[in-house]
């Protein structure tokens, strides 16, 4: 009996000693709040304020509260459309640069409480919060740092005012997934009747570190967006284009909202010290607010599909603006385009051709990290090489000749972003033919290529900061090509 116990103990010790450990994280890694944000991928921006009724993009701040008077406002319609379009949440412009508040703020008269709409008794944010809950969507807020209505803008008193309003938003309307800080800072405005130009030092005026602390305390699961993060960064343009090389890393301590960093923000920093992934913000119309003259200029479903490839397909999230009209509804043309885009997206990615197929990897870290992890449907498993290998390849055997023209690749970003160069090849006429190459991967890349008929697809990681960790590969044959 003692010999048997000793033998069993020895086997346990031997097994523990030979167990292959997972790779160590490299560089910055995403927080839990950032991981949840990455998974959202696609959500709605809703630009709505007095500008909707004055036909402007930027309100001056002198608009009368009575101007805001939607005739049929229905946030449930917004939320249902967002859900039906495949979106995961809605971020509302709670206060744009004109200073008008879509909630009955206790700190200003310039809000819905003094509008004609419902005799000042309704609250857009409260209604949107409820609509998001009813449709399983997350809720986010945009609070412009610039306020062209406030008499104290440009003075220290404004920082207190701004933080009071931020506190209202973060304590009144439930869980917030993203707090959006714009980079527009100072200029001409009404300023309580002064009608002058006020400029501030956007490096120091807002005391951002202490403003960020308020968000962390009141909404610990919320990510914060600005040109410089701290959690999510602007992609550097408003055309819907993410960068093909897109590091989720940034030296944010060298940056500030409203700074001249557009060229940096697209690619990020390969050796950045913080995890600050990119968000692509773009409008479904030429403007950010609703204008009747643009009803015929709504993006087509096909154009929205291209935006999806150039944002979510390039390791970014897509924040698509869909501005409510003067009724307080999403316009029929916008709705039609959104729903048709969602149908296109479903058709592009109907059947994963890699799912369940045999996968081989000449180099792997061990049984727990072999190639079969990339198509097992489990985001927590991944293929990895040994620590001494920073290159490697995975081959998916499709068994029979199969038409393919799309690929999705994901890194296991909980261990950091690693891949610096990769290529995808198809086995054709007895040899490997490259169909795409690239640099970064990150949370997700989606790449299209001309239809090729092949029995095998190979992903080769040619350069990586450390051993590659690939969690998912999907293959598709999108129609229409």
Protein backbone atom coordinates (compact mmCIF):
# COMPACT_ATOMS: atom_id res chain seq x y z
CA UNK A 1 0.00 0.00 0.00
CA UNK A 2 2.84 2.34 0.91
CA UNK A 3 4.60 1.52 -2.38
CA UNK A 4 1.43 2.32 -4.35
CA UNK A 5 0.99 5.65 -2.56
CA UNK A 6 4.63 6.54 -3.19
CA UNK A 7 4.28 5.66 -6.88
CA UNK A 8 1.14 7.77 -7.21
CA UNK A 9 2.85 10.68 -5.45
CA UNK A 10 5.86 10.36 -7.77
CA UNK A 11 3.64 10.43 -10.86
CA UNK A 12 1.90 13.60 -9.62
CA UNK A 13 5.25 15.29 -8.99
CA UNK A 14 6.57 14.18 -12.39
CA UNK A 15 3.42 15.48 -14.10
CA UNK A 16 3.72 18.83 -12.34
CA UNK A 17 7.37 19.14 -13.30
CA UNK A 18 6.69 18.41 -16.96
CA UNK A 19 3.58 20.60 -17.25
CA UNK A 20 4.00 23.29 -19.89
CA UNK A 21 3.22 26.70 -18.49
CA UNK A 22 1.44 29.39 -20.54
CA UNK A 23 3.48 32.27 -21.95
CA UNK A 24 4.19 35.22 -19.71
CA UNK A 25 2.43 38.48 -20.67
CA UNK A 26 4.54 40.88 -22.70
CA UNK A 27 4.25 44.65 -22.51
CA UNK A 28 0.98 46.36 -21.53
CA UNK A 29 -2.15 44.21 -21.40
CA UNK A 30 -5.82 45.25 -21.45
CA UNK A 31 -7.80 45.77 -18.25
CA UNK A 32 -11.07 43.93 -17.72
CA UNK A 33 -12.98 47.06 -18.74
CA UNK A 34 -10.95 47.28 -21.95
CA UNK A 35 -11.47 43.59 -22.72
CA UNK A 36 -15.23 44.10 -22.41
CA UNK A 37 -14.94 47.13 -24.72
CA UNK A 38 -13.00 45.13 -27.34
CA UNK A 39 -15.79 42.55 -27.42
CA UNK A 40 -18.40 45.21 -28.23
CA UNK A 41 -16.78 46.06 -31.61
CA UNK A 42 -19.72 48.04 -33.09
CA UNK A 43 -22.10 50.53 -31.46
CA UNK A 44 -24.05 53.73 -32.10
CA UNK A 45 -23.25 57.40 -31.60
CA UNK A 46 -26.36 59.62 -31.28
CA UNK A 47 -25.70 63.33 -31.90
CA UNK A 48 -28.78 65.21 -30.74
CA UNK A 49 -29.17 68.71 -29.27
CA UNK A 50 -30.36 72.23 -30.20
CA UNK A 51 -28.28 71.93 -33.38
CA UNK A 52 -30.81 69.41 -34.66
CA UNK A 53 -33.38 72.21 -34.71
CA UNK A 54 -31.15 75.11 -35.84
CA UNK A 55 -29.59 73.16 -38.72
CA UNK A 56 -26.06 73.72 -37.38
CA UNK A 57 -23.14 71.45 -36.63
CA UNK A 58 -21.73 73.52 -33.75
CA UNK A 59 -24.12 75.61 -31.70
CA UNK A 60 -22.86 78.99 -30.54
CA UNK A 61 -24.31 78.65 -27.04
CA UNK A 62 -26.93 81.38 -27.32
CA UNK A 63 -29.74 79.12 -28.58
CA UNK A 64 -32.98 79.50 -26.62
CA UNK A 65 -34.01 76.41 -24.68
CA UNK A 66 -37.39 76.55 -26.41
CA UNK A 67 -35.69 75.59 -29.69
CA UNK A 68 -35.37 72.01 -28.47
CA UNK A 69 -38.80 70.51 -29.13
CA UNK A 70 -38.90 67.07 -30.78
CA UNK A 71 -42.44 66.16 -31.81
CA UNK A 72 -42.26 62.36 -31.47
CA UNK A 73 -39.12 61.55 -29.47
CA UNK A 74 -38.90 57.80 -28.95
CA UNK A 75 -35.64 56.41 -27.60
CA UNK A 76 -37.12 52.93 -27.84
CA UNK A 77 -37.04 53.32 -31.60
CA UNK A 78 -33.33 54.22 -31.49
CA UNK A 79 -32.52 51.24 -29.32
CA UNK A 80 -34.56 48.76 -31.33
CA UNK A 81 -32.90 49.90 -34.55
CA UNK A 82 -29.47 49.64 -32.91
CA UNK A 83 -30.23 46.12 -31.72
CA UNK A 84 -31.67 45.04 -35.07
CA UNK A 85 -28.60 46.50 -36.79
CA UNK A 86 -26.28 44.33 -34.69
CA UNK A 87 -24.97 47.14 -32.48
CA UNK A 88 -24.01 46.55 -28.85
CA UNK A 89 -24.68 49.99 -27.30
CA UNK A 90 -25.45 53.69 -27.73
CA UNK A 91 -23.37 56.75 -26.73
CA UNK A 92 -25.46 59.92 -26.47
CA UNK A 93 -24.22 63.53 -26.74
CA UNK A 94 -25.46 64.46 -23.27
CA UNK A 95 -23.90 67.90 -23.76
CA UNK A 96 -22.27 69.18 -26.94
CA UNK A 97 -20.21 72.38 -27.31
CA UNK A 98 -23.36 74.55 -27.20
CA UNK A 99 -23.75 73.60 -23.52
CA UNK A 100 -27.36 72.45 -23.81
CA UNK A 101 -28.02 69.46 -21.52
CA UNK A 102 -30.29 66.61 -22.57
CA UNK A 103 -30.95 65.91 -18.90
CA UNK A 104 -32.41 68.33 -16.29
CA UNK A 105 -29.05 69.36 -14.83
CA UNK A 106 -29.21 71.11 -11.46
CA UNK A 107 -26.25 73.30 -12.44
CA UNK A 108 -27.61 75.18 -15.46
CA UNK A 109 -30.81 76.60 -16.88
CA UNK A 110 -29.64 75.59 -20.35
CA UNK A 111 -31.27 72.15 -20.43
CA UNK A 112 -34.38 70.18 -21.30
CA UNK A 113 -36.03 71.32 -18.08
CA UNK A 114 -36.55 74.76 -19.65
CA UNK A 115 -37.50 73.55 -23.12
CA UNK A 116 -40.96 73.42 -24.71
CA UNK A 117 -40.61 69.67 -25.08
CA UNK A 118 -43.11 68.01 -22.73
CA UNK A 119 -43.20 71.28 -20.74
CA UNK A 120 -39.69 70.52 -19.49
CA UNK A 121 -40.79 67.38 -17.66
CA UNK A 122 -38.95 64.70 -19.65
CA UNK A 123 -35.34 63.54 -19.62
CA UNK A 124 -33.70 62.19 -22.80
CA UNK A 125 -30.99 60.33 -20.89
CA UNK A 126 -33.44 58.62 -18.57
CA UNK A 127 -35.54 57.47 -21.49
CA UNK A 128 -32.52 56.26 -23.46
CA UNK A 129 -31.19 54.41 -20.42
CA UNK A 130 -34.47 52.54 -20.12
CA UNK A 131 -34.59 51.82 -23.85
CA UNK A 132 -31.05 50.43 -23.79
CA UNK A 133 -31.95 48.17 -20.86
CA UNK A 134 -35.08 46.95 -22.64
CA UNK A 135 -33.06 46.02 -25.72
CA UNK A 136 -29.98 44.56 -24.05
CA UNK A 137 -27.71 47.45 -25.06
CA UNK A 138 -24.98 49.21 -23.13
CA UNK A 139 -25.24 52.94 -22.41
CA UNK A 140 -22.53 55.59 -22.82
CA UNK A 141 -22.27 59.36 -22.47
CA UNK A 142 -20.48 62.19 -24.28
CA UNK A 143 -19.83 65.32 -22.20
CA UNK A 144 -18.09 68.08 -24.14
CA UNK A 145 -15.32 69.78 -22.15
CA UNK A 146 -15.96 72.98 -24.13
CA UNK A 147 -19.13 74.89 -23.21
CA UNK A 148 -19.98 77.94 -25.32
CA UNK A 149 -22.95 78.78 -23.10
CA UNK A 150 -21.27 78.81 -19.68
CA UNK A 151 -20.41 82.25 -18.28
CA UNK A 152 -17.51 80.76 -16.28
CA UNK A 153 -15.85 78.81 -19.07
CA UNK A 154 -12.13 79.58 -19.05
CA UNK A 155 -12.03 80.18 -15.28
CA UNK A 156 -11.30 77.69 -12.47
CA UNK A 157 -14.99 77.73 -11.55
CA UNK A 158 -15.84 75.93 -14.79
CA UNK A 159 -13.86 72.85 -13.75
CA UNK A 160 -16.09 72.53 -10.69
CA UNK A 161 -19.16 73.03 -12.89
CA UNK A 162 -17.97 70.43 -15.39
CA UNK A 163 -17.24 67.88 -12.69
CA UNK A 164 -20.60 68.48 -11.07
CA UNK A 165 -22.29 67.64 -14.35
CA UNK A 166 -20.09 64.61 -14.83
CA UNK A 167 -21.09 63.46 -11.36
CA UNK A 168 -24.77 63.83 -12.29
CA UNK A 169 -24.33 61.67 -15.36
CA UNK A 170 -22.37 58.97 -13.58
CA UNK A 171 -24.65 58.66 -10.54
CA UNK A 172 -28.12 59.05 -12.06
CA UNK A 173 -28.31 56.83 -15.11
CA UNK A 174 -26.98 53.42 -14.10
CA UNK A 175 -23.96 51.62 -15.51
CA UNK A 176 -22.01 53.49 -18.17
CA UNK A 177 -19.71 51.55 -20.52
CA UNK A 178 -17.90 54.53 -22.07
CA UNK A 179 -17.35 58.19 -21.19
CA UNK A 180 -16.46 60.22 -24.28
CA UNK A 181 -14.32 63.36 -23.90
CA UNK A 182 -14.08 65.48 -27.05
CA UNK A 183 -10.90 67.30 -28.09
CA UNK A 184 -12.58 70.61 -29.02
CA UNK A 185 -11.27 73.17 -26.53
CA UNK A 186 -12.07 76.86 -26.52
CA UNK A 187 -12.86 79.55 -29.09
CA UNK A 188 -15.62 82.03 -29.72
CA UNK A 189 -18.93 81.63 -27.91
CA UNK A 190 -21.86 83.20 -26.09
CA UNK A 191 -20.40 82.63 -22.60
CA UNK A 192 -23.37 83.97 -20.67
CA UNK A 193 -23.74 86.99 -22.97
CA UNK A 194 -20.05 87.99 -23.15
CA UNK A 195 -19.89 86.97 -26.83
CA UNK A 196 -16.14 86.71 -26.99
CA UNK A 197 -13.29 84.34 -27.74
CA UNK A 198 -11.89 82.40 -24.82
CA UNK A 199 -8.84 80.20 -25.15
CA UNK A 200 -7.48 77.77 -22.60
CA UNK A 201 -4.32 75.69 -22.22
CA UNK A 202 -5.70 72.26 -23.08
CA UNK A 203 -2.63 70.61 -21.52
CA UNK A 204 -3.44 71.86 -18.03
CA UNK A 205 -6.80 73.66 -17.80
CA UNK A 206 -9.07 70.65 -17.32
CA UNK A 207 -6.78 68.91 -14.82
CA UNK A 208 -7.65 65.64 -16.56
CA UNK A 209 -6.00 63.26 -14.05
CA UNK A 210 -8.38 64.37 -11.30
CA UNK A 211 -11.37 64.33 -13.66
CA UNK A 212 -10.47 60.77 -14.61
CA UNK A 213 -10.44 59.81 -10.93
CA UNK A 214 -14.13 60.77 -10.70
CA UNK A 215 -14.98 58.33 -13.48
CA UNK A 216 -12.88 55.57 -11.93
CA UNK A 217 -14.60 56.05 -8.58
CA UNK A 218 -18.18 56.32 -9.82
CA UNK A 219 -18.06 54.02 -12.86
CA UNK A 220 -15.11 51.64 -12.43
CA UNK A 221 -16.17 49.50 -15.40
CA UNK A 222 -16.36 52.43 -17.84
CA UNK A 223 -13.64 53.12 -20.38
CA UNK A 224 -12.69 56.72 -21.06
CA UNK A 225 -12.17 57.99 -24.61
CA UNK A 226 -10.18 60.99 -25.82
CA UNK A 227 -7.35 61.72 -28.23
CA UNK A 228 -5.03 60.38 -25.57
CA UNK A 229 -7.19 57.88 -23.72
CA UNK A 230 -6.61 56.99 -20.96
CA UNK A 231 -8.47 53.81 -21.98
CA UNK A 232 -9.46 54.28 -25.63
CA UNK A 233 -7.93 56.60 -28.23
CA UNK A 234 -9.22 58.38 -31.30
CA UNK A 235 -8.10 56.79 -34.57
CA UNK A 236 -6.96 60.19 -35.86
CA UNK A 237 -9.61 60.82 -38.55
CA UNK A 238 -13.39 60.94 -39.00
CA UNK A 239 -13.49 59.14 -42.36
CA UNK A 240 -13.95 55.67 -40.89
CA UNK A 241 -10.45 54.47 -41.66
CA UNK A 242 -8.43 52.47 -39.19
CA UNK A 243 -4.74 51.93 -39.85
CA UNK A 244 -3.56 48.63 -41.34
CA UNK A 245 -0.74 48.75 -38.81
CA UNK A 246 -2.58 49.31 -35.56
CA UNK A 247 -0.92 48.81 -32.21
CA UNK A 248 -3.27 48.91 -29.20
CA UNK A 249 -0.36 50.55 -27.37
CA UNK A 250 0.30 54.24 -26.79
CA UNK A 251 2.66 56.48 -24.86
CA UNK A 252 -0.33 58.42 -23.59
CA UNK A 253 1.65 60.24 -20.91
CA UNK A 254 3.17 62.32 -23.70
CA UNK A 255 -0.26 63.32 -25.07
CA UNK A 256 -3.38 65.30 -24.18
CA UNK A 257 -6.90 65.81 -25.64
CA UNK A 258 -6.98 68.26 -28.52
CA UNK A 259 -3.27 67.98 -29.26
CA UNK A 260 -1.84 67.58 -32.76
CA UNK A 261 -1.38 63.82 -32.64
CA UNK A 262 -3.49 62.58 -35.57
CA UNK A 263 -0.54 60.99 -37.38
CA UNK A 264 0.42 59.00 -34.28
CA UNK A 265 -3.07 57.90 -33.27
CA UNK A 266 -3.72 55.69 -36.30
CA UNK A 267 -0.82 53.30 -35.77
CA UNK A 268 -0.21 53.83 -32.05
CA UNK A 269 3.21 53.01 -30.63
CA UNK A 270 4.77 49.60 -31.21
CA UNK A 271 6.56 49.86 -27.89
CA UNK A 272 3.92 51.95 -26.11
CA UNK A 273 3.78 51.80 -22.34
CA UNK A 274 -0.03 51.71 -22.03
CA UNK A 275 -2.84 49.68 -23.58
CA UNK A 276 -4.96 52.31 -25.38
CA UNK A 277 -6.76 50.77 -28.40
CA UNK A 278 -8.28 52.80 -31.24
CA UNK A 279 -11.92 53.70 -31.81
CA UNK A 280 -13.16 54.73 -35.27
CA UNK A 281 -15.87 57.40 -35.05
CA UNK A 282 -17.70 58.20 -38.28
CA UNK A 283 -21.17 59.42 -39.28
CA UNK A 284 -23.71 57.71 -41.49
CA UNK A 285 -24.31 61.17 -43.02
CA UNK A 286 -21.94 63.97 -44.10
CA UNK A 287 -22.73 65.85 -40.88
CA UNK A 288 -22.81 64.73 -37.27
CA UNK A 289 -26.23 66.27 -36.53
CA UNK A 290 -29.39 65.75 -38.53
CA UNK A 291 -29.95 68.01 -41.55
CA UNK A 292 -32.92 67.48 -43.85
CA UNK A 293 -30.75 68.46 -46.82
CA UNK A 294 -28.68 65.31 -46.21
CA UNK A 295 -31.57 62.82 -46.31
CA UNK A 296 -30.43 61.67 -49.75
CA UNK A 297 -26.77 61.47 -48.72
CA UNK A 298 -26.96 58.60 -46.24
CA UNK A 299 -24.20 56.02 -46.67
CA UNK A 300 -25.15 52.93 -48.62
CA UNK A 301 -25.11 49.47 -47.02
CA UNK A 302 -22.13 48.62 -49.23
CA UNK A 303 -20.22 51.67 -48.02
CA UNK A 304 -21.02 50.78 -44.40
CA UNK A 305 -19.63 47.31 -45.08
CA UNK A 306 -16.38 48.87 -46.26
CA UNK A 307 -16.29 50.97 -43.07
CA UNK A 308 -16.67 47.75 -41.08
CA UNK A 309 -13.65 46.21 -42.81
CA UNK A 310 -11.59 49.38 -42.29
CA UNK A 311 -12.46 49.63 -38.58
CA UNK A 312 -13.38 46.37 -36.85
CA UNK A 313 -11.33 44.62 -39.55
CA UNK A 314 -8.28 46.66 -38.54
CA UNK A 315 -8.18 46.10 -34.78
CA UNK A 316 -10.49 49.02 -33.94
CA UNK A 317 -14.04 49.44 -32.67
CA UNK A 318 -16.63 51.13 -34.89
CA UNK A 319 -18.65 53.98 -33.34
CA UNK A 320 -21.19 54.84 -36.05
CA UNK A 321 -23.10 58.09 -35.65
CA UNK A 322 -26.82 57.94 -36.51
CA UNK A 323 -28.34 61.35 -35.63
CA UNK A 324 -32.01 61.54 -34.58
CA UNK A 325 -34.09 63.97 -36.64
CA UNK A 326 -36.36 66.81 -35.50
CA UNK A 327 -39.10 64.36 -34.63
CA UNK A 328 -36.71 62.65 -32.23
CA UNK A 329 -36.58 59.53 -34.41
CA UNK A 330 -33.90 57.89 -36.52
CA UNK A 331 -34.77 58.81 -40.08
CA UNK A 332 -36.22 56.14 -42.37
CA UNK A 333 -33.29 56.40 -44.80
CA UNK A 334 -30.76 55.81 -42.04
CA UNK A 335 -32.74 52.87 -40.66
CA UNK A 336 -33.03 51.26 -44.09
CA UNK A 337 -29.26 51.54 -44.66
CA UNK A 338 -28.41 50.17 -41.21
CA UNK A 339 -30.64 47.12 -41.48
CA UNK A 340 -29.47 46.34 -45.02
CA UNK A 341 -25.85 46.66 -43.84
CA UNK A 342 -26.54 44.14 -41.09
CA UNK A 343 -27.93 41.71 -43.65
CA UNK A 344 -24.84 42.17 -45.80
CA UNK A 345 -22.64 41.47 -42.79
CA UNK A 346 -24.52 38.26 -42.02
CA UNK A 347 -24.09 37.09 -45.61
CA UNK A 348 -20.37 37.87 -45.57
CA UNK A 349 -19.84 35.67 -42.53
CA UNK A 350 -22.49 32.96 -42.80
CA UNK A 351 -20.49 29.72 -42.58
CA UNK A 352 -17.08 29.42 -40.95
CA UNK A 353 -15.23 27.05 -43.28
CA UNK A 354 -12.44 26.49 -40.74
CA UNK A 355 -14.71 25.32 -37.94
CA UNK A 356 -14.10 21.71 -36.98
CA UNK A 357 -11.36 21.21 -39.58
CA UNK A 358 -8.04 19.56 -38.75
CA UNK A 359 -5.34 22.04 -37.80
CA UNK A 360 -1.63 21.34 -37.69
CA UNK A 361 1.21 23.43 -36.33
CA UNK A 362 4.78 22.17 -36.85
CA UNK A 363 5.85 24.18 -33.80
CA UNK A 364 3.70 24.42 -30.66
CA UNK A 365 4.23 24.91 -26.97
CA UNK A 366 2.64 21.62 -26.04
CA UNK A 367 -0.67 19.78 -25.90
CA UNK A 368 -2.55 22.60 -24.18
CA UNK A 369 -1.37 25.12 -26.80
CA UNK A 370 -1.59 23.22 -30.08
CA UNK A 371 -3.04 24.40 -33.37
CA UNK A 372 -6.51 22.93 -32.81
CA UNK A 373 -7.19 25.75 -30.33
CA UNK A 374 -7.60 28.30 -33.12
CA UNK A 375 -10.88 26.87 -34.43
CA UNK A 376 -12.44 25.28 -31.34
CA UNK A 377 -14.83 28.19 -30.71
CA UNK A 378 -13.32 28.90 -27.29
CA UNK A 379 -11.80 32.42 -27.02
CA UNK A 380 -9.82 31.35 -23.94
CA UNK A 381 -7.73 28.74 -25.77
CA UNK A 382 -4.91 29.58 -28.15
CA UNK A 383 -2.02 28.26 -30.16
CA UNK A 384 1.41 29.28 -28.88
CA UNK A 385 5.00 28.35 -29.64
CA UNK A 386 7.76 27.81 -27.14
CA UNK A 387 9.36 30.91 -25.66
CA UNK A 388 12.43 30.48 -27.87
CA UNK A 389 10.35 30.73 -31.07
CA UNK A 390 8.99 34.05 -32.30
CA UNK A 391 7.81 32.67 -35.64
CA UNK A 392 5.55 29.79 -36.56
CA UNK A 393 2.77 28.60 -38.81
CA UNK A 394 -0.68 27.04 -38.60
CA UNK A 395 -2.21 25.01 -41.42
CA UNK A 396 -5.96 24.47 -41.69
CA UNK A 397 -6.86 21.42 -43.78
CA UNK A 398 -10.14 22.03 -45.59
CA UNK A 399 -9.98 18.44 -46.92
CA UNK A 400 -11.56 19.23 -50.29
CA UNK A 401 -11.03 22.06 -52.74
CA UNK A 402 -12.98 24.97 -51.25
CA UNK A 403 -13.57 28.55 -52.34
CA UNK A 404 -12.32 31.08 -49.77
CA UNK A 405 -12.07 34.90 -49.85
CA UNK A 406 -12.22 36.11 -46.22
CA UNK A 407 -10.18 35.45 -43.10
CA UNK A 408 -10.56 36.55 -39.47
CA UNK A 409 -7.54 36.32 -37.15
CA UNK A 410 -7.36 37.12 -33.44
CA UNK A 411 -4.53 37.23 -30.94
CA UNK A 412 -5.01 36.26 -27.31
CA UNK A 413 -4.57 39.86 -26.17
CA UNK A 414 -4.74 39.06 -22.46
CA UNK A 415 -1.04 38.24 -22.94
CA UNK A 416 -0.33 41.42 -24.90
CA UNK A 417 -0.13 42.33 -28.58
CA UNK A 418 2.79 40.53 -30.19
CA UNK A 419 2.60 39.91 -33.94
CA UNK A 420 4.63 42.31 -36.10
CA UNK A 421 4.44 40.55 -39.47
CA UNK A 422 2.24 37.79 -40.85
CA UNK A 423 1.11 36.29 -44.13
CA UNK A 424 -1.70 34.01 -45.27
CA UNK A 425 -1.17 31.53 -48.09
CA UNK A 426 -3.35 29.03 -49.94
CA UNK A 427 -2.21 25.62 -51.24
CA UNK A 428 -2.78 25.82 -54.98
CA UNK A 429 -1.52 23.49 -57.74
CA UNK A 430 0.95 21.79 -55.43
CA UNK A 431 2.47 24.96 -53.99
CA UNK A 432 1.74 27.71 -51.47
CA UNK A 433 0.53 31.01 -52.91
CA UNK A 434 0.39 34.12 -50.72
CA UNK A 435 -3.07 35.75 -50.65
CA UNK A 436 -2.45 38.51 -48.06
CA UNK A 437 0.26 39.81 -45.79
CA UNK A 438 0.14 42.22 -42.90
CA UNK A 439 1.74 43.63 -39.81
CA UNK A 440 -0.34 43.83 -36.62
CA UNK A 441 -3.28 41.64 -35.55
CA UNK A 442 -4.41 42.46 -32.00
CA UNK A 443 -8.02 41.81 -30.99
CA UNK A 444 -9.14 41.15 -34.55
CA UNK A 445 -8.24 41.61 -38.19
CA UNK A 446 -10.63 40.80 -41.02
CA UNK A 447 -9.10 40.66 -44.47
CA UNK A 448 -10.63 40.09 -47.87
CA UNK A 449 -8.89 38.68 -50.94
CA UNK A 450 -9.90 37.41 -54.40
CA UNK A 451 -11.68 34.06 -54.36
CA UNK A 452 -9.24 31.18 -54.37
CA UNK A 453 -10.04 27.49 -54.56
CA UNK A 454 -7.85 25.59 -52.14
CA UNK A 455 -7.67 22.60 -49.83
CA UNK A 456 -5.40 24.24 -47.25
CA UNK A 457 -4.87 27.68 -45.74
CA UNK A 458 -1.71 28.62 -43.88
CA UNK A 459 -1.14 31.45 -41.43
CA UNK A 460 2.54 32.19 -40.97
CA UNK A 461 3.75 34.53 -38.24
CA UNK A 462 7.06 35.82 -39.59
CA UNK A 463 7.94 38.28 -36.85
CA UNK A 464 6.69 38.69 -33.29
CA UNK A 465 7.80 40.45 -30.12
CA UNK A 466 7.64 37.12 -28.29
CA UNK A 467 6.13 33.71 -28.97
CA UNK A 468 2.91 34.24 -30.98
CA UNK A 469 -0.42 33.49 -29.29
CA UNK A 470 -3.29 33.09 -31.78
CA UNK A 471 -6.74 32.41 -30.32
CA UNK A 472 -9.00 32.31 -33.38
CA UNK A 473 -8.96 31.82 -37.15
CA UNK A 474 -12.12 31.81 -39.26
CA UNK A 475 -12.48 31.38 -43.03
CA UNK A 476 -15.40 32.41 -45.24
CA UNK A 477 -16.59 32.48 -48.80
CA UNK A 478 -18.41 35.82 -49.06
CA UNK A 479 -20.91 36.06 -51.95
CA UNK A 480 -20.90 38.44 -54.88
CA UNK A 481 -17.34 37.89 -56.07
